[in-house]
Amino acid sequence: MIKHLVILAAALSSADCLGMDISRVAGCAGDVLRLSGDIADGDYVRFRAHFGAERRIVGIDLDSGGGSLYEGLRIAMLTHQRQVPTYVSNECDSACAFIFLASRKRYVAPDAKVGVHSVGNTHGGEDNGTIRDTIRLARLSAKLGIPLSTIGKMVATPPRKISYLNKEELAALKVIARNPFARIAVHGSTQPTKGGSLSCNAAISREEPKDDGMARDRSSAKGS
């Protein structure tokens, strides 16, 4: 399925995009990767290289407006295969949203936004090719178990606009509204930090807090 979307490498990219800022935060049980900024060519290779390090990756912190769909798809599929939890600390749109949606365990900050739209061409519009690619992306999403309500919102939103997932849609995705990486290990101890690493006191898979405080229902337009 992904090979059919290779032609979209530039469709959601900015010509001036220099790539994501990928940083590694050491934690007690492993490391968290912070991904911020626009997704560009070569980011998947940089992302994948972190999984070859001695310490394992226990989570991904996302904050991106999107970028290269092809690179985003490859990052998303590796995240899915490795079963790495994702957390949206601020905003995650377009290709970034697919990384979040493809993950098996999802978290958001209380005011975070996750935005989706259909596939656009290099001019930000639609044509027969991008419509076919949107259908392919929708089918891949369904194969990954993404709810039909979310897929429908993606398909129905034009490329130049962004539709944010509402509380009900986040609930259907079993999103948990909290930061699972809220503490960071420093020289064998833990210190509170905004968007830090995994807590030494509790494993992420063992904590199931209340589902209240989801991101608010928002829908707005945004240029691609």
Protein backbone atom coordinates (compact mmCIF):
# COMPACT_ATOMS: atom_id res chain seq x y z
CA MET A 1 0.00 0.00 0.00
CA ILE A 2 2.73 2.49 0.91
CA LYS A 3 4.56 2.00 -2.39
CA HIS A 4 1.49 3.36 -4.19
CA LEU A 5 1.88 6.61 -2.25
CA VAL A 6 5.52 7.28 -3.13
CA ILE A 7 4.41 9.87 -5.67
CA LEU A 8 3.09 11.96 -2.78
CA ALA A 9 6.54 12.67 -1.34
CA ALA A 10 6.28 16.35 -2.23
CA ALA A 11 2.53 16.76 -2.10
CA LEU A 12 2.39 17.91 1.51
CA SER A 13 5.92 19.29 1.78
CA SER A 14 7.28 22.82 1.92
CA ALA A 15 10.04 23.72 -0.49
CA ASP A 16 11.96 25.36 2.33
CA CYS A 17 11.52 22.47 4.77
CA LEU A 18 14.79 21.48 6.42
CA GLY A 19 13.45 18.45 8.25
CA MET A 20 12.22 17.62 11.70
CA ASP A 21 14.06 18.31 14.90
CA ILE A 22 14.51 14.81 16.34
CA SER A 23 15.84 14.79 19.89
CA ARG A 24 16.31 11.95 22.34
CA VAL A 25 15.37 12.24 26.03
CA ALA A 26 16.79 9.66 28.44
CA GLY A 27 14.32 8.03 30.82
CA CYS A 28 14.29 5.27 33.40
CA ALA A 29 12.91 2.49 31.22
CA GLY A 30 14.25 3.80 27.91
CA ASP A 31 14.30 6.95 25.80
CA VAL A 32 11.62 9.21 24.34
CA LEU A 33 12.00 10.70 20.86
CA ARG A 34 10.74 14.25 20.48
CA LEU A 35 9.72 15.03 16.89
CA SER A 36 8.97 18.67 16.07
CA GLY A 37 8.82 20.79 12.95
CA ASP A 38 8.01 19.93 9.35
CA ILE A 39 8.58 16.40 8.05
CA ALA A 40 11.01 16.34 5.10
CA ASP A 41 12.91 13.91 2.89
CA GLY A 42 15.41 11.87 4.89
CA ASP A 43 13.58 12.13 8.21
CA TYR A 44 12.55 8.47 8.18
CA VAL A 45 16.18 7.35 7.92
CA ARG A 46 17.14 9.66 10.78
CA PHE A 47 14.17 8.42 12.82
CA ARG A 48 14.91 4.74 12.16
CA ALA A 49 18.55 5.16 13.18
CA HIS A 50 17.49 5.82 16.79
CA PHE A 51 16.09 2.29 17.05
CA GLY A 52 19.55 0.86 16.49
CA ALA A 53 20.93 2.46 19.65
CA GLU A 54 21.64 0.47 22.81
CA ARG A 55 18.78 2.05 24.79
CA ARG A 56 15.27 1.25 23.58
CA ILE A 57 12.68 3.81 22.50
CA VAL A 58 9.67 3.82 24.85
CA GLY A 59 7.68 6.69 23.34
CA ILE A 60 7.36 9.44 20.74
CA ASP A 61 6.44 13.07 21.53
CA LEU A 62 4.86 14.74 18.47
CA ASP A 63 4.53 18.44 17.63
CA SER A 64 4.37 19.03 13.86
CA GLY A 65 2.19 20.70 11.25
CA GLY A 66 2.94 17.92 8.76
CA GLY A 67 5.16 17.82 5.69
CA SER A 68 6.19 14.95 3.44
CA LEU A 69 3.42 12.36 3.44
CA TYR A 70 5.74 9.63 2.18
CA GLU A 71 8.26 10.17 4.98
CA GLY A 72 5.42 10.46 7.49
CA LEU A 73 3.92 7.17 6.30
CA ARG A 74 7.22 5.34 6.73
CA ILE A 75 7.68 6.78 10.23
CA ALA A 76 4.08 5.85 11.04
CA MET A 77 4.48 2.24 9.92
CA LEU A 78 7.70 1.75 11.90
CA THR A 79 6.00 3.27 14.96
CA HIS A 80 3.10 0.84 14.47
CA GLN A 81 5.36 -2.17 13.97
CA ARG A 82 7.47 -1.35 17.03
CA GLN A 83 4.31 -0.71 19.11
CA VAL A 84 5.71 2.58 20.40
CA PRO A 85 3.19 4.87 22.21
CA THR A 86 2.74 8.40 20.85
CA TYR A 87 1.92 11.66 22.64
CA VAL A 88 0.79 14.96 21.07
CA SER A 89 2.13 17.75 23.25
CA ASN A 90 0.78 20.67 21.20
CA GLU A 91 -0.44 20.14 17.61
CA CYS A 92 -0.05 17.29 15.15
CA ASP A 93 -1.55 17.73 11.69
CA SER A 94 -1.60 16.07 8.29
CA ALA A 95 1.31 13.62 7.88
CA CYS A 96 2.10 13.96 11.58
CA ALA A 97 -1.47 13.00 12.43
CA PHE A 98 -1.04 9.74 10.55
CA ILE A 99 1.96 8.86 12.75
CA PHE A 100 -0.26 9.41 15.77
CA LEU A 101 -3.23 7.53 14.31
CA ALA A 102 -1.14 4.55 13.22
CA SER A 103 0.32 4.03 16.69
CA ARG A 104 -1.19 1.39 18.96
CA LYS A 105 -1.36 3.55 22.10
CA ARG A 106 -2.15 7.25 21.92
CA TYR A 107 -1.92 10.15 24.40
CA VAL A 108 -2.60 13.89 24.13
CA ALA A 109 -2.14 16.98 26.26
CA PRO A 110 -5.50 18.39 27.45
CA ASP A 111 -5.43 21.23 24.88
CA ALA A 112 -3.62 19.38 22.08
CA LYS A 113 -4.99 19.35 18.53
CA VAL A 114 -4.85 16.55 15.96
CA GLY A 115 -5.75 17.71 12.46
CA VAL A 116 -6.50 15.75 9.29
CA HIS A 117 -7.28 16.46 5.65
CA SER A 118 -7.27 14.72 2.27
CA VAL A 119 -4.22 14.41 0.03
CA GLY A 120 -3.28 17.44 -2.04
CA ASN A 121 -0.97 18.03 -4.98
CA THR A 122 2.02 20.39 -5.08
CA HIS A 123 -0.37 23.34 -5.55
CA GLY A 124 -2.48 22.37 -2.55
CA GLY A 125 -5.39 21.28 -4.71
CA GLU A 126 -6.98 18.01 -5.76
CA ASP A 127 -6.84 16.10 -9.02
CA ASN A 128 -7.66 12.57 -10.13
CA GLY A 129 -4.34 11.29 -8.82
CA THR A 130 -4.64 12.80 -5.35
CA ILE A 131 -8.24 11.60 -5.05
CA ARG A 132 -7.05 8.04 -5.75
CA ASP A 133 -4.27 8.49 -3.21
CA THR A 134 -6.74 9.71 -0.58
CA ILE A 135 -8.74 6.52 -1.17
CA ARG A 136 -5.60 4.41 -0.79
CA LEU A 137 -4.71 6.22 2.43
CA ALA A 138 -8.25 5.68 3.72
CA ARG A 139 -8.02 1.95 2.98
CA LEU A 140 -4.66 1.72 4.74
CA SER A 141 -6.17 3.56 7.72
CA ALA A 142 -9.05 1.08 7.87
CA LYS A 143 -6.57 -1.81 7.73
CA LEU A 144 -4.79 -0.32 10.74
CA GLY A 145 -8.06 -0.18 12.68
CA ILE A 146 -8.53 3.60 12.61
CA PRO A 147 -12.24 4.37 13.22
CA LEU A 148 -14.42 5.20 10.21
CA SER A 149 -15.42 8.54 11.75
CA THR A 150 -11.79 9.69 11.66
CA ILE A 151 -11.22 8.32 8.16
CA GLY A 152 -14.38 10.07 6.97
CA LYS A 153 -13.23 13.39 8.37
CA MET A 154 -9.88 13.01 6.60
CA VAL A 155 -11.52 12.18 3.25
CA ALA A 156 -14.10 14.96 3.50
CA THR A 157 -11.65 17.76 4.39
CA PRO A 158 -10.07 19.55 1.38
CA PRO A 159 -6.23 19.65 1.25
CA ARG A 160 -6.06 23.38 2.02
CA LYS A 161 -8.11 22.98 5.20
CA ILE A 162 -7.64 21.19 8.52
CA SER A 163 -10.34 19.44 10.54
CA TYR A 164 -9.45 18.72 14.15
CA LEU A 165 -10.59 15.52 15.83
CA ASN A 166 -13.24 16.18 18.46
CA LYS A 167 -13.71 14.63 21.89
CA GLU A 168 -15.87 11.77 20.60
CA GLU A 169 -13.42 10.92 17.82
CA LEU A 170 -10.49 10.91 20.23
CA ALA A 171 -12.49 8.66 22.56
CA ALA A 172 -13.14 6.24 19.68
CA LEU A 173 -9.36 6.10 19.19
CA LYS A 174 -8.99 5.27 22.90
CA VAL A 175 -6.84 8.35 23.38
CA ILE A 176 -5.76 9.10 26.95
CA ALA A 177 -5.56 12.78 27.89
CA ARG A 178 -2.33 13.02 29.83
CA ASN A 179 1.42 13.13 29.34
CA PRO A 180 2.88 9.64 29.86
CA PHE A 181 6.42 11.05 29.70
CA ALA A 182 6.01 13.57 32.51
CA ARG A 183 9.21 12.80 34.41
CA ILE A 184 12.80 12.65 33.27
CA ALA A 185 15.71 10.72 34.78
CA VAL A 186 18.77 12.76 35.66
CA HIS A 187 21.81 10.94 37.09
CA GLY A 188 19.71 8.11 38.49
CA SER A 189 16.91 10.29 39.91
CA THR A 190 13.71 11.73 38.50
CA GLN A 191 12.71 15.36 38.06
CA PRO A 192 9.39 16.79 36.81
CA THR A 193 9.52 18.31 33.32
CA LYS A 194 7.12 19.46 30.63
CA GLY A 195 7.02 16.69 28.02
CA GLY A 196 9.91 14.76 29.59
CA SER A 197 10.56 11.03 29.67
CA LEU A 198 8.93 7.96 31.18
CA SER A 199 8.42 7.95 34.93
CA CYS A 200 10.60 5.63 36.98
CA ASN A 201 7.74 4.94 39.34
CA ALA A 202 5.20 3.44 36.96
CA ALA A 203 5.31 1.74 33.59
CA ILE A 204 3.27 3.34 30.83
CA SER A 205 1.36 0.12 30.16
CA ARG A 206 0.20 -0.13 33.76
CA GLU A 207 -1.32 3.33 34.08
CA GLU A 208 -4.88 3.84 32.88
CA PRO A 209 -6.12 7.23 34.13
CA LYS A 210 -9.54 8.70 33.52
CA ASP A 211 -10.47 9.60 29.96
CA ASP A 212 -11.74 13.08 30.83
CA GLY A 213 -10.04 16.26 29.64
CA MET A 214 -9.83 15.24 25.96
CA ALA A 215 -8.90 17.84 23.39
CA ARG A 216 -11.84 20.14 22.76
CA ASP A 217 -13.94 19.86 19.62
CA ARG A 218 -12.42 22.27 17.12
CA SER A 219 -12.57 22.59 13.35
CA SER A 220 -10.87 25.33 11.38
CA ALA A 221 -9.24 26.04 8.05
CA LYS A 222 -5.50 26.08 7.57
CA GLY A 223 -3.32 26.43 4.51
CA SER A 224 -1.36 23.41 3.36
